[in-house]
Amino acid sequence: MKRKPKYRFLLFLFFFFLLIHTLELHSQVRSKHGMVVSANRLASDVGIEIMKKGGNAIDAAVAVGFALAVVFPEAGNIGGGGYMIVRKADGTCAALDFREKAPRSALSDIFLDSAGNVTDRITRGCMSAGVPGTVAGLIQALDDYGTMKLKDVIEPAIILAKNGFEIDERLRSKLIEYENDLRPFPSTVKLFFKNDSLYQEGDTLKQSDLAATLIRIQSTGIDGFYKGETARLITDEMRRGGGLITEDDLAEYKPIIRKPLIGTYRGYDIITMPPSSSGGLCLIEIMNIIEKFNLDSLGYHTSQSVHIISEAMKCAYADRAEYMGDPDYVAIPVDRLISKEYASLYSAKIDPYYSTPSESIKARVVREHPNTTHYSVVDSSGNCVAVTYTLNDLFGSQVVVDGAGFFLNNEMDDFSSKPGVANSYGLTGGYANSIEPGKRPLSSMAPTIILKDGKPILILGARGGSRIITGVLQVILNVLDYRMDIENAVNAPRFHHQWIPDELIYEKDCFNSDVVLNLQERGYHTKEVISKIGALEIIYFDSDSGWIYGVPDFREGGVAVGY
């Protein structure tokens, strides 16, 4: 039957507004003063409003972190941990480590059964949770580098938790995907289910228990989470679920201010996260190796340029497995690993044509999911903040602390529970990252700031587990080596190699068929994947025009807001 003109017009309007909505979510935004790029519009708006009220980028970043804990419950958190890189307008830099810690009762073999096999207790339930660091880290950042009071920067998150927000398609789809994992935990069902059915898209999610927890933090700061009522609720959940965290574990938690790692690449300065994250260290090591080669002349995504980059990736991930862990527990040869001389040892050994089998790559010194979230912030004075924090898996341990309203992480899986055996993300680790009481598990998070002649060029980071490092790397290369405009640099398809498994994976449309065949002839085991290789939130500075560009990766569905 032939459609009437008015129905054709209505269809046109529907698809037109759908297109506009899609472009709004995934297109770049520019401003002259400040910018926030995060996974959620409500959280990005909160950060901008804080800056409009006179707050700086650190105030805004803290506000965004608390807001994401409300509106992005699958990855935003107060029950997890992460990292922050701060670069103030005067050039002062700091790296804040608020990574989770193993409880004091956690022993190296605690997740092994009688046959020595790793059990699923390391990924699900209360036992998988490390001591959360997010609340202490955000408050530490505010105290040391912010200008506003905690009561003011946390207030927007409290309002969002009290009044609720509309469940969007993305949250609804994740709840459906994880429904069977969430159902065994009554406190989680109480939050996300209504009459035994998941909340629907368009429903309003109010979180009164979370609001009460945030109000306790607002009233008494760090003690409002790590002591008193919230600490009691956490430890009660531990007792019910067989978890390890005690009130002493919570009371003893402290974030650490570390010295950022500083590297250079073709005249640019790289400011990134040191261990306990491996992200920054691996990033600098890879870039040092490939700096010996002219990527521009080799061509973009040619078999030769992909070969060089992949070989460098394998080298860094091999070192990650052998040497990297919590620097308070193991001696990491950081200076050696990020030196140009060390990179030369690797670059000189790269075969000009053939892939080096992973089993033959040894360190030369004395399945991954997008389960993290990153956000980038800059203010009108030029203060820059890059924050990556996580629950590990989406929804973490899948356990909501009853009465407190937030998910606990499952970060114990980021330790090497059995050295030499891959974790649930395919990463193999050694004794440097084995479980010990009070130790921080190794991470791939890589919040990073790039400078040229002392001025910021990029603020970036990613979600994506072990693929964070290679996702961040390729966006940097796209901008610095291949001179792409920032939106194309972020949205271009990516590839990944993490040494073990010995597999070069790549996104759809990343390579043409001739390149894939050539890589296979070189000895690569190639595999196209539908999963994402990193999902970034980026701020780019155009020094010529003075514009600040906020660019959410289409893979993330995030939102840039500027003013």
Protein backbone atom coordinates (compact mmCIF):
# COMPACT_ATOMS: atom_id res chain seq x y z
CA MET A 1 0.00 0.00 0.00
CA LYS A 2 1.31 3.39 -0.95
CA ARG A 3 2.18 5.61 2.04
CA LYS A 4 0.44 8.93 2.32
CA PRO A 5 2.65 12.02 2.09
CA LYS A 6 2.13 13.01 5.71
CA TYR A 7 3.45 9.63 6.90
CA ARG A 8 6.51 9.95 4.68
CA PHE A 9 7.08 13.38 6.20
CA LEU A 10 6.76 11.99 9.73
CA LEU A 11 9.23 9.23 8.92
CA PHE A 12 11.62 11.83 7.54
CA LEU A 13 11.34 13.85 10.76
CA PHE A 14 11.90 10.74 12.88
CA PHE A 15 15.10 9.76 11.11
CA PHE A 16 16.26 13.38 10.94
CA PHE A 17 16.01 13.83 14.70
CA LEU A 18 17.54 10.39 15.26
CA LEU A 19 20.51 11.49 13.16
CA ILE A 20 20.83 14.76 15.08
CA HIS A 21 20.71 12.87 18.38
CA THR A 22 23.42 10.48 17.19
CA LEU A 23 25.64 13.31 16.02
CA GLU A 24 25.12 15.07 19.35
CA LEU A 25 26.33 12.01 21.20
CA HIS A 26 29.33 11.25 19.06
CA SER A 27 30.55 14.49 17.49
CA GLN A 28 33.21 16.85 18.72
CA VAL A 29 32.41 20.04 20.62
CA ARG A 30 34.56 23.15 20.76
CA SER A 31 34.84 25.93 23.30
CA LYS A 32 37.14 28.71 24.39
CA HIS A 33 37.03 28.33 28.16
CA GLY A 34 36.48 24.89 29.65
CA MET A 35 35.62 21.36 28.60
CA VAL A 36 34.48 18.09 30.15
CA VAL A 37 34.35 14.85 28.17
CA SER A 38 32.84 11.90 30.02
CA ALA A 39 30.72 8.82 29.44
CA ASN A 40 27.46 10.55 30.43
CA ARG A 41 25.87 13.91 29.58
CA LEU A 42 24.55 14.49 33.11
CA ALA A 43 28.04 14.02 34.55
CA SER A 44 29.65 16.26 31.91
CA ASP A 45 27.05 18.95 32.65
CA VAL A 46 27.85 18.72 36.37
CA GLY A 47 31.54 19.41 35.68
CA ILE A 48 30.79 22.42 33.51
CA GLU A 49 28.43 23.90 36.09
CA ILE A 50 31.11 23.58 38.77
CA MET A 51 33.55 25.54 36.58
CA LYS A 52 30.91 28.17 35.79
CA LYS A 53 30.54 28.67 39.56
CA GLY A 54 34.26 29.46 39.81
CA GLY A 55 35.69 26.01 40.41
CA ASN A 56 38.83 24.81 38.68
CA ALA A 57 39.35 21.63 36.63
CA ILE A 58 40.13 19.58 39.74
CA ASP A 59 36.91 20.68 41.45
CA ALA A 60 35.04 19.74 38.28
CA ALA A 61 36.80 16.37 37.97
CA VAL A 62 35.86 15.44 41.53
CA ALA A 63 32.25 16.46 40.91
CA VAL A 64 32.17 14.42 37.70
CA GLY A 65 33.60 11.39 39.50
CA PHE A 66 30.86 11.44 42.13
CA ALA A 67 28.17 12.13 39.51
CA LEU A 68 29.26 9.17 37.36
CA ALA A 69 28.90 6.97 40.44
CA VAL A 70 25.18 7.80 40.26
CA VAL A 71 24.35 7.99 36.54
CA PHE A 72 26.86 5.44 35.19
CA PRO A 73 26.55 2.66 37.78
CA GLU A 74 28.05 -0.05 35.58
CA ALA A 75 31.50 1.62 35.65
CA GLY A 76 31.36 4.96 37.48
CA ASN A 77 31.90 4.24 41.13
CA ILE A 78 32.59 4.94 44.75
CA GLY A 79 33.17 1.21 45.29
CA GLY A 80 36.21 0.91 43.03
CA GLY A 81 39.42 2.81 42.44
CA GLY A 82 41.64 4.39 39.82
CA TYR A 83 44.14 7.05 38.86
CA MET A 84 44.32 10.77 38.18
CA ILE A 85 46.89 12.89 36.36
CA VAL A 86 46.83 16.58 37.25
CA ARG A 87 48.74 19.27 35.38
CA LYS A 88 48.18 22.72 36.80
CA ALA A 89 48.42 25.86 34.69
CA ASP A 90 51.77 26.70 36.34
CA GLY A 91 53.25 23.43 35.06
CA THR A 92 53.01 21.53 38.35
CA CYS A 93 52.17 17.87 37.78
CA ALA A 94 50.99 15.07 40.05
CA ALA A 95 49.85 11.46 39.71
CA LEU A 96 47.24 10.35 42.22
CA ASP A 97 47.03 6.59 42.83
CA PHE A 98 43.72 5.61 44.45
CA ARG A 99 43.81 2.02 43.24
CA GLU A 100 42.05 -0.62 45.34
CA LYS A 101 44.09 -2.71 47.77
CA ALA A 102 44.00 -6.36 48.74
CA PRO A 103 42.45 -6.90 52.18
CA ARG A 104 44.84 -7.90 54.95
CA SER A 105 43.50 -11.46 55.00
CA ALA A 106 44.15 -12.00 51.26
CA LEU A 107 46.85 -14.61 50.68
CA SER A 108 48.51 -15.65 47.43
CA ASP A 109 46.59 -18.92 47.10
CA ILE A 110 43.22 -17.75 48.39
CA PHE A 111 41.44 -18.13 45.03
CA LEU A 112 42.82 -21.59 44.21
CA ASP A 113 40.89 -24.80 44.77
CA SER A 114 42.37 -28.02 46.16
CA ALA A 115 43.66 -28.91 42.69
CA GLY A 116 45.41 -25.55 42.30
CA ASN A 117 42.91 -24.13 39.79
CA VAL A 118 41.61 -20.56 39.93
CA THR A 119 37.96 -20.42 41.05
CA ASP A 120 35.25 -17.95 39.99
CA ARG A 121 35.29 -16.39 43.45
CA ILE A 122 37.96 -14.07 42.06
CA THR A 123 35.52 -12.48 39.61
CA ARG A 124 32.07 -12.61 41.28
CA GLY A 125 30.73 -11.98 44.74
CA CYS A 126 32.08 -10.27 47.84
CA MET A 127 35.34 -12.19 47.94
CA SER A 128 36.45 -10.65 44.64
CA ALA A 129 36.40 -7.10 46.06
CA GLY A 130 39.46 -5.10 46.99
CA VAL A 131 39.38 -2.19 49.44
CA PRO A 132 37.82 0.72 47.49
CA GLY A 133 39.93 3.82 46.83
CA THR A 134 37.74 6.19 44.82
CA VAL A 135 36.28 8.25 47.66
CA ALA A 136 39.66 8.77 49.35
CA GLY A 137 41.29 9.60 46.01
CA LEU A 138 38.72 12.17 44.92
CA ILE A 139 38.75 13.90 48.31
CA GLN A 140 42.56 13.91 48.36
CA ALA A 141 42.61 15.54 44.93
CA LEU A 142 40.11 18.16 46.06
CA ASP A 143 42.06 18.93 49.24
CA ASP A 144 45.41 19.22 47.47
CA TYR A 145 44.52 20.85 44.15
CA GLY A 146 40.92 22.05 44.25
CA THR A 147 39.42 25.37 45.34
CA MET A 148 35.90 24.42 46.43
CA LYS A 149 34.42 22.65 49.44
CA LEU A 150 33.49 18.98 49.30
CA LYS A 151 29.91 19.78 50.29
CA ASP A 152 29.51 21.86 47.11
CA VAL A 153 31.15 19.52 44.57
CA ILE A 154 29.32 16.42 45.83
CA GLU A 155 25.91 18.12 46.04
CA PRO A 156 25.01 17.59 42.33
CA ALA A 157 25.57 13.83 42.73
CA ILE A 158 23.34 13.77 45.81
CA ILE A 159 20.57 15.56 43.91
CA LEU A 160 20.87 13.10 41.00
CA ALA A 161 20.67 10.14 43.39
CA LYS A 162 17.68 11.56 45.27
CA ASN A 163 15.65 12.79 42.31
CA GLY A 164 16.70 10.05 39.96
CA PHE A 165 17.58 10.00 36.29
CA GLU A 166 16.04 8.40 33.25
CA ILE A 167 17.43 5.00 32.33
CA ASP A 168 18.75 5.22 28.78
CA GLU A 169 19.14 2.55 26.15
CA ARG A 170 22.78 1.93 27.01
CA LEU A 171 22.20 1.22 30.71
CA ARG A 172 19.13 -0.86 29.89
CA SER A 173 21.11 -2.98 27.40
CA LYS A 174 23.90 -3.58 29.93
CA LEU A 175 21.39 -4.61 32.57
CA ILE A 176 19.88 -7.09 30.12
CA GLU A 177 23.33 -8.42 29.22
CA TYR A 178 24.24 -8.97 32.88
CA GLU A 179 20.79 -9.92 34.21
CA ASN A 180 21.71 -13.52 35.01
CA ASP A 181 24.87 -12.36 36.81
CA LEU A 182 23.02 -9.74 38.87
CA ARG A 183 20.02 -11.85 39.94
CA PRO A 184 21.81 -14.00 42.57
CA PHE A 185 22.45 -10.93 44.75
CA PRO A 186 19.33 -9.67 46.60
CA SER A 187 20.72 -6.19 47.26
CA THR A 188 21.41 -5.77 43.53
CA VAL A 189 17.97 -7.02 42.57
CA LYS A 190 16.45 -4.50 45.00
CA LEU A 191 18.16 -1.65 43.15
CA PHE A 192 17.63 -2.58 39.49
CA PHE A 193 14.54 -4.77 39.45
CA LYS A 194 10.88 -3.85 39.90
CA ASN A 195 8.36 -6.64 40.45
CA ASP A 196 11.07 -9.14 39.53
CA SER A 197 11.69 -7.43 36.17
CA LEU A 198 14.53 -5.15 35.16
CA TYR A 199 13.81 -1.46 34.93
CA GLN A 200 12.86 -0.39 31.43
CA GLU A 201 14.36 2.31 29.25
CA GLY A 202 12.67 5.57 30.22
CA ASP A 203 12.05 4.53 33.83
CA THR A 204 13.41 6.84 36.53
CA LEU A 205 16.09 5.27 38.72
CA LYS A 206 16.12 6.81 42.20
CA GLN A 207 18.88 5.70 44.58
CA SER A 208 17.99 6.73 48.10
CA ASP A 209 20.58 4.46 49.75
CA LEU A 210 23.34 5.88 47.55
CA ALA A 211 22.14 9.41 48.30
CA ALA A 212 22.42 8.67 52.03
CA THR A 213 25.95 7.35 51.53
CA LEU A 214 26.95 10.47 49.60
CA ILE A 215 25.42 12.68 52.32
CA ARG A 216 27.57 10.91 54.93
CA ILE A 217 30.64 11.65 52.77
CA GLN A 218 29.46 15.24 52.36
CA SER A 219 29.11 15.63 56.14
CA THR A 220 32.29 13.99 57.41
CA GLY A 221 34.56 13.58 54.38
CA ILE A 222 36.69 10.44 54.14
CA ASP A 223 35.38 9.16 57.48
CA GLY A 224 31.88 9.23 56.02
CA PHE A 225 32.89 6.27 53.84
CA TYR A 226 35.79 4.49 55.52
CA LYS A 227 34.40 4.64 59.07
CA GLY A 228 31.01 4.76 60.75
CA GLU A 229 27.76 3.69 59.10
CA THR A 230 29.04 3.14 55.55
CA ALA A 231 31.98 1.05 56.77
CA ARG A 232 29.54 -0.99 58.87
CA LEU A 233 27.29 -1.59 55.85
CA ILE A 234 30.29 -2.72 53.76
CA THR A 235 31.56 -5.13 56.40
CA ASP A 236 28.04 -6.48 57.01
CA GLU A 237 27.89 -7.26 53.26
CA MET A 238 31.27 -8.96 53.55
CA ARG A 239 30.01 -11.20 56.35
CA ARG A 240 26.88 -12.15 54.42
CA GLY A 241 28.78 -12.86 51.21
CA GLY A 242 32.01 -14.39 52.51
CA GLY A 243 34.12 -11.36 51.62
CA LEU A 244 37.49 -10.31 53.02
CA ILE A 245 37.27 -6.56 53.71
CA THR A 246 37.23 -5.57 57.39
CA GLU A 247 36.66 -2.28 59.19
CA ASP A 248 40.42 -2.08 59.77
CA ASP A 249 41.07 -2.51 56.03
CA LEU A 250 38.76 0.42 55.32
CA ALA A 251 40.10 2.67 58.09
CA GLU A 252 43.69 2.09 56.97
CA TYR A 253 43.16 2.90 53.26
CA LYS A 254 45.19 5.85 51.94
CA PRO A 255 45.68 7.13 48.37
CA ILE A 256 49.23 7.90 47.23
CA ILE A 257 50.55 10.98 45.46
CA ARG A 258 53.20 9.75 43.03
CA LYS A 259 55.56 11.43 40.61
CA PRO A 260 54.17 11.15 37.07
CA LEU A 261 56.11 9.30 34.41
CA ILE A 262 57.56 11.73 31.86
CA GLY A 263 58.53 10.57 28.39
CA THR A 264 59.24 12.21 25.06
CA TYR A 265 58.19 11.35 21.53
CA ARG A 266 59.27 13.28 18.43
CA GLY A 267 59.52 16.54 20.37
CA TYR A 268 56.35 16.06 22.44
CA ASP A 269 56.25 15.49 26.20
CA ILE A 270 54.18 12.62 27.60
CA ILE A 271 52.88 12.94 31.17
CA THR A 272 51.31 9.68 32.30
CA MET A 273 50.64 7.31 35.17
CA PRO A 274 53.42 5.38 36.92
CA PRO A 275 52.99 2.00 38.63
CA SER A 276 50.89 0.63 40.30
CA SER A 277 49.45 1.07 36.81
CA SER A 278 51.31 -0.48 33.91
CA GLY A 279 49.51 1.81 31.46
CA GLY A 280 51.87 4.75 31.36
CA LEU A 281 55.02 2.65 31.55
CA CYS A 282 53.94 0.42 28.66
CA LEU A 283 52.79 3.44 26.65
CA ILE A 284 56.17 5.17 26.90
CA GLU A 285 58.09 1.95 26.23
CA ILE A 286 56.09 1.25 23.06
CA MET A 287 56.48 4.82 21.80
CA ASN A 288 60.22 4.76 22.46
CA ILE A 289 60.57 1.60 20.37
CA ILE A 290 58.56 2.85 17.39
CA GLU A 291 60.21 6.28 17.53
CA LYS A 292 63.14 4.61 15.79
CA PHE A 293 60.96 4.14 12.70
CA ASN A 294 59.37 6.68 10.37
CA LEU A 295 55.71 5.70 10.58
CA ASP A 296 54.62 8.46 8.23
CA SER A 297 56.79 7.13 5.42
CA LEU A 298 55.69 3.55 6.13
CA GLY A 299 52.07 4.58 5.65
CA TYR A 300 48.91 4.35 7.71
CA HIS A 301 47.77 0.79 8.45
CA THR A 302 50.11 -0.74 5.91
CA SER A 303 51.37 -4.20 6.74
CA GLN A 304 54.83 -2.77 7.48
CA SER A 305 53.67 -0.04 9.91
CA VAL A 306 51.29 -2.47 11.65
CA HIS A 307 54.17 -4.96 11.93
CA ILE A 308 56.46 -2.42 13.62
CA ILE A 309 53.80 -1.21 16.04
CA SER A 310 52.67 -4.76 16.88
CA GLU A 311 56.23 -5.88 17.62
CA ALA A 312 56.64 -2.93 19.98
CA MET A 313 53.36 -3.80 21.71
CA LYS A 314 54.50 -7.38 22.28
CA CYS A 315 57.77 -6.24 23.84
CA ALA A 316 56.06 -3.93 26.33
CA TYR A 317 53.44 -6.49 27.35
CA ALA A 318 56.15 -9.09 27.91
CA ASP A 319 57.87 -6.69 30.29
CA ARG A 320 54.53 -5.94 31.92
CA ALA A 321 54.06 -9.60 32.80
CA GLU A 322 57.58 -10.02 34.13
CA TYR A 323 58.35 -6.86 36.07
CA MET A 324 55.31 -4.74 36.86
CA GLY A 325 53.33 -4.65 40.07
CA ASP A 326 52.77 -2.48 43.12
CA PRO A 327 56.00 -0.48 43.59
CA ASP A 328 55.55 -0.65 47.37
CA TYR A 329 55.98 -4.43 47.14
CA VAL A 330 58.27 -5.09 44.17
CA ALA A 331 61.28 -3.33 42.69
CA ILE A 332 60.36 -2.22 39.16
CA PRO A 333 63.21 -1.02 36.90
CA VAL A 334 61.12 1.93 35.74
CA ASP A 335 63.95 4.20 34.62
CA ARG A 336 65.44 1.41 32.56
CA LEU A 337 62.12 0.38 30.98
CA ILE A 338 61.30 3.92 29.79
CA SER A 339 64.81 4.76 28.61
CA LYS A 340 65.62 5.34 24.95
CA GLU A 341 68.60 3.00 25.29
CA TYR A 342 66.42 0.12 26.41
CA ALA A 343 64.01 0.75 23.54
CA SER A 344 66.94 0.55 21.14
CA LEU A 345 67.63 -3.02 22.28
CA TYR A 346 64.15 -4.00 21.18
CA SER A 347 63.94 -1.93 18.00
CA ALA A 348 67.25 -3.35 16.80
CA LYS A 349 65.90 -6.89 17.20
CA ILE A 350 62.70 -6.35 15.21
CA ASP A 351 62.79 -8.46 12.07
CA PRO A 352 62.05 -6.14 9.13
CA TYR A 353 59.46 -8.55 7.76
CA TYR A 354 58.50 -11.47 10.00
CA SER A 355 56.52 -11.51 13.24
CA THR A 356 58.47 -12.58 16.31
CA PRO A 357 56.68 -15.50 18.04
CA SER A 358 55.55 -14.43 21.49
CA GLU A 359 57.20 -17.38 23.22
CA SER A 360 60.60 -16.18 21.99
CA ILE A 361 60.17 -12.66 23.42
CA LYS A 362 61.72 -12.46 26.84
CA ALA A 363 62.08 -9.43 29.05
CA ARG A 364 65.52 -7.88 28.67
CA VAL A 365 65.80 -6.04 31.96
CA VAL A 366 67.98 -7.14 35.33
CA ARG A 367 39.75 -11.53 26.88
CA GLU A 368 39.17 -8.00 27.52
CA HIS A 369 36.05 -5.97 28.12
CA PRO A 370 35.40 -2.18 28.25
CA ASN A 371 34.75 -2.12 31.97
CA THR A 372 36.38 1.11 33.07
CA THR A 373 35.52 4.74 32.44
CA HIS A 374 37.72 7.72 31.66
CA TYR A 375 37.03 11.44 31.64
CA SER A 376 39.06 14.51 30.71
CA VAL A 377 38.69 18.06 32.06
CA VAL A 378 40.26 21.46 31.40
CA ASP A 379 39.33 24.86 32.81
CA SER A 380 39.73 28.42 31.53
CA SER A 381 43.08 28.82 33.31
CA GLY A 382 44.60 25.79 31.61
CA ASN A 383 44.49 23.34 34.54
CA CYS A 384 44.21 19.84 33.05
CA VAL A 385 42.93 16.62 34.61
CA ALA A 386 42.81 13.08 33.22
CA VAL A 387 40.94 10.51 35.35
CA THR A 388 40.47 6.79 34.77
CA TYR A 389 38.63 4.76 37.41
CA THR A 390 36.98 1.37 37.47
CA LEU A 391 35.05 -1.45 39.10
CA ASN A 392 37.00 -3.88 36.86
CA ASP A 393 34.16 -5.84 35.20
CA LEU A 394 30.95 -4.02 34.32
CA PHE A 395 28.99 -3.84 37.59
CA GLY A 396 32.17 -5.04 39.33
CA SER A 397 31.51 -7.98 41.65
CA GLN A 398 27.77 -7.63 40.81
CA VAL A 399 27.19 -7.05 44.54
CA VAL A 400 25.49 -3.84 45.68
CA VAL A 401 26.26 -3.02 49.31
CA ASP A 402 22.86 -3.38 50.95
CA GLY A 403 21.78 -0.09 52.52
CA ALA A 404 24.65 1.84 50.91
CA GLY A 405 23.54 1.59 47.28
CA PHE A 406 26.81 1.11 45.35
CA PHE A 407 28.56 -1.76 43.60
CA LEU A 408 31.69 -3.32 45.01
CA ASN A 409 34.59 -3.86 42.61
CA ASN A 410 36.03 -7.25 41.61
CA GLU A 411 39.62 -6.02 41.36
CA MET A 412 41.17 -9.08 42.99
CA ASP A 413 41.11 -10.58 39.48
CA ASP A 414 43.69 -8.00 38.41
CA PHE A 415 46.26 -9.78 40.54
CA SER A 416 48.08 -12.82 39.23
CA SER A 417 46.19 -15.32 41.35
CA LYS A 418 48.32 -18.05 39.77
CA PRO A 419 51.48 -16.64 38.13
CA GLY A 420 51.75 -17.68 34.50
CA VAL A 421 47.99 -18.26 34.15
CA ALA A 422 45.92 -15.62 32.35
CA ASN A 423 43.20 -13.75 34.22
CA SER A 424 39.66 -13.32 32.90
CA TYR A 425 40.94 -10.64 30.48
CA GLY A 426 43.64 -12.81 28.94
CA LEU A 427 46.49 -11.00 30.72
CA THR A 428 49.30 -13.16 32.01
CA GLY A 429 51.22 -11.99 35.04
CA GLY A 430 54.16 -13.09 37.14
CA TYR A 431 55.14 -13.02 40.79
CA ALA A 432 55.54 -9.24 40.74
CA ASN A 433 51.73 -9.00 40.63
CA SER A 434 50.88 -11.89 42.96
CA ILE A 435 48.36 -11.40 45.77
CA GLU A 436 49.70 -9.99 49.04
CA PRO A 437 47.89 -8.29 51.93
CA GLY A 438 47.60 -4.53 51.39
CA LYS A 439 48.98 -4.69 47.85
CA ARG A 440 47.55 -2.79 44.87
CA PRO A 441 46.78 -4.93 41.79
CA LEU A 442 48.43 -4.03 38.51
CA SER A 443 46.32 -2.02 36.07
CA SER A 444 46.39 -1.01 32.41
CA MET A 445 44.79 2.41 33.03
CA ALA A 446 46.68 5.20 31.31
CA PRO A 447 45.39 8.73 31.99
CA THR A 448 47.76 10.88 29.92
CA ILE A 449 48.48 14.50 29.03
CA ILE A 450 50.58 15.40 25.95
CA LEU A 451 52.48 18.70 25.74
CA LYS A 452 54.23 20.57 22.94
CA ASP A 453 56.63 23.36 23.93
CA GLY A 454 55.19 23.31 27.44
CA LYS A 455 51.57 23.69 26.32
CA PRO A 456 48.90 20.97 26.45
CA ILE A 457 47.95 19.32 23.17
CA LEU A 458 45.95 16.30 24.33
CA ILE A 459 44.21 15.08 27.48
CA LEU A 460 43.17 11.48 27.04
CA GLY A 461 42.60 8.06 28.50
CA ALA A 462 40.39 5.07 27.84
CA ARG A 463 38.31 2.22 29.10
CA GLY A 464 39.00 -1.28 27.81
CA GLY A 465 41.19 -3.31 30.17
CA SER A 466 44.46 -4.40 28.56
CA ARG A 467 43.38 -2.63 25.37
CA ILE A 468 43.51 0.76 27.09
CA ILE A 469 47.22 1.05 26.40
CA THR A 470 47.03 0.30 22.69
CA GLY A 471 43.89 2.39 22.23
CA VAL A 472 45.53 5.46 23.78
CA LEU A 473 48.72 4.77 21.81
CA GLN A 474 47.01 4.69 18.42
CA VAL A 475 45.09 7.92 18.94
CA ILE A 476 48.37 9.65 19.85
CA LEU A 477 50.07 8.20 16.77
CA ASN A 478 47.14 9.23 14.57
CA VAL A 479 47.54 12.84 15.72
CA LEU A 480 51.33 13.15 15.96
CA ASP A 481 52.55 10.86 13.15
CA TYR A 482 49.67 10.70 10.72
CA ARG A 483 48.43 14.28 11.34
CA MET A 484 44.76 13.30 11.36
CA ASP A 485 42.15 15.77 12.53
CA ILE A 486 41.15 14.88 16.07
CA GLU A 487 37.74 13.37 15.34
CA ASN A 488 39.14 10.99 12.72
CA ALA A 489 42.08 10.19 14.99
CA VAL A 490 39.71 9.07 17.74
CA ASN A 491 37.19 7.20 15.61
CA ALA A 492 39.61 5.39 13.27
CA PRO A 493 39.59 1.58 13.65
CA ARG A 494 42.28 0.09 15.87
CA PHE A 495 44.29 -3.10 16.42
CA HIS A 496 45.87 -4.72 19.44
CA HIS A 497 48.56 -7.23 20.43
CA GLN A 498 49.31 -8.02 24.08
CA TRP A 499 52.08 -10.63 23.64
CA ILE A 500 50.03 -13.49 25.07
CA PRO A 501 47.88 -14.79 23.49
CA ASP A 502 50.00 -14.52 20.33
CA GLU A 503 47.19 -12.95 18.35
CA LEU A 504 46.82 -9.70 16.42
CA ILE A 505 43.21 -8.61 16.80
CA TYR A 506 41.62 -5.76 14.88
CA GLU A 507 38.30 -3.96 14.58
CA LYS A 508 36.06 -4.18 11.53
CA ASP A 509 37.31 -2.12 8.57
CA CYS A 510 40.71 -1.65 10.22
CA PHE A 511 42.69 -3.30 7.40
CA ASN A 512 41.98 -4.08 3.79
CA SER A 513 42.15 -7.73 2.76
CA ASP A 514 45.62 -7.41 1.18
CA VAL A 515 47.07 -6.12 4.46
CA VAL A 516 45.50 -8.99 6.40
CA LEU A 517 46.92 -11.55 3.97
CA ASN A 518 50.35 -9.93 4.10
CA LEU A 519 50.33 -9.95 7.90
CA GLN A 520 49.43 -13.62 7.88
CA GLU A 521 52.32 -14.31 5.49
CA ARG A 522 54.58 -12.53 7.97
CA GLY A 523 53.51 -15.03 10.65
CA TYR A 524 50.77 -13.11 12.46
CA HIS A 525 47.71 -14.89 13.80
CA THR A 526 45.04 -12.36 12.87
CA LYS A 527 41.48 -12.08 14.13
CA GLU A 528 38.75 -9.54 13.45
CA VAL A 529 36.74 -8.76 16.59
CA ILE A 530 33.41 -7.04 17.20
CA SER A 531 34.50 -5.84 20.63
CA LYS A 532 36.05 -2.40 21.05
CA ILE A 533 39.79 -1.75 21.29
CA GLY A 534 39.71 1.02 23.84
CA ALA A 535 37.04 3.69 24.19
CA LEU A 536 38.44 7.16 24.76
CA GLU A 537 37.30 10.57 26.00
CA ILE A 538 39.64 13.25 24.64
CA ILE A 539 40.35 16.94 24.81
CA TYR A 540 42.45 18.44 22.01
CA PHE A 541 43.96 21.95 21.99
CA ASP A 542 44.30 23.80 18.70
CA SER A 543 47.11 26.21 19.53
CA ASP A 544 46.68 28.18 16.30
CA SER A 545 43.00 29.07 16.78
CA GLY A 546 42.78 28.85 20.56
CA TRP A 547 39.82 26.46 20.37
CA ILE A 548 39.48 23.55 22.79
CA TYR A 549 37.92 20.45 21.21
CA GLY A 550 36.13 17.77 23.24
CA VAL A 551 35.85 14.47 21.39
CA PRO A 552 33.94 11.44 22.71
CA ASP A 553 34.83 8.16 21.05
CA PHE A 554 31.84 6.74 19.16
CA ARG A 555 32.69 3.39 20.81
CA GLU A 556 31.88 4.86 24.22
CA GLY A 557 28.82 6.95 23.43
CA GLY A 558 30.11 9.69 25.73
CA VAL A 559 29.39 13.41 25.66
CA ALA A 560 31.60 16.48 25.44
CA VAL A 561 30.31 19.69 27.04
CA GLY A 562 32.15 23.00 26.83
CA TYR A 563 31.58 26.65 27.64
